[in-house]
Amino acid sequence: MDNLSPNKYSPHASRGILFCALAAIFYTGANTAVTELGRLGLHEFWIVGIKESITVLLLAPWCMMRMLHHKESRPDARMWAILLGAGLLTQLFGNVGYVYSLKVIGLAATIPIVFASMLVMTALFGRLLLSEKVTIRSMAAIAMLVVAICFITSGSDQVVGPLVEKSLFPAYRGLAILSSCVTGVCFGLMSIAVRHAMNRNVDKPIVMVIITGVGFFLLVPAALYQEGTELVTETTTVQWSWMISAGIFNLAAFFFLNKGLELTRVIHANITTSSQIAMAAVLGLLMFHEPLSTPLIIGVMLTIIGVLLIGGDEGEIM
């Protein structure tokens, strides 16, 4: 992903920040839709598979034409293996666990845990796999994000999903927190794979179709196998609307984020997109009536500060 690092006085920079803000809004919309779907009791595989199908259906035709007429944009066999592996981890352990966490501990707790875990893993794996520098500032940010996860974990004991029995909540809560951390790790690994593909001149839409295609072609058949083909007809119009909306919001956020990164500095993009953490807390409170405990609020604030610190380095983290 190219970062043009425009001058801070350039009119394009303000447009870039606007695009990043739109990306944060659409990502929040996608997260809200997935949270609602989890509360409606839909199978996690079905939610993720249908959501990812939107990107596949809308971008796959362009990607096929692109690879047909531009051989240099085609991933080689090794890159296919890397992207398919990243897609498998992202979909099966990342997105599925993400839906489960949203269903159990809620939007306000899940989003900052995933965000913090993703940034920590991206920094560490970027150092180990891509030889990217990890500055003192980044290390301080990583430490703050780890502390933030601890606060959020201790503050999520009041959030009980509507489909979870209160007597079993402590066990479900522990699994949901672990799933949130694993989701962040998977998203971090995916970002490393995407960055590696970009360095090899593979078009990002092609990369995203491969990764989302794994979710569509793996999880939809798995959901139908587990629940039966009647799952298609038993899914209500409201549920279909939420799933399609989640997919559209996710694709729109992807488009706006990439446009923003073309027009503004990575630090400004990171600061702007981190606003989705605060949006998640507000929507969790207003839309889903999730209680905001003091440790949870502290954890959210520490996550945002950690994002700002790690965003102070010029290295890309998203």
Foldseek 3Di string as FASTA:
>chain_A
DDFPADDPPDPLLVVLLVLLLLLLVLLLLLLVLLLVLLLVPDQLLQLLQLLLVLLLVVLVVVLVVCCVVPVLQDDDPVLLVLLLVLLCLLQPLASSLLSLLCQAQHLLLLVLLLLLLQLLLLLVCCCVPVVDDQDPLLVVLNVLSVVLLVLSLVFSLQGGGPVDDNVCNVVSSVSSSVSSNSNSNSNSSNVVSLVVSVVSVHDSSVSSSSSSVSSNVPSVVVSCVVPNPCSVVPQDPVSSVSSNSSNVSNVSSVVSLVSSSHRHALLSSQLSSLCSSVVSNVCRCPVVVGDQDPSSVVSSVSSSVSSNSNSVDRDHSD
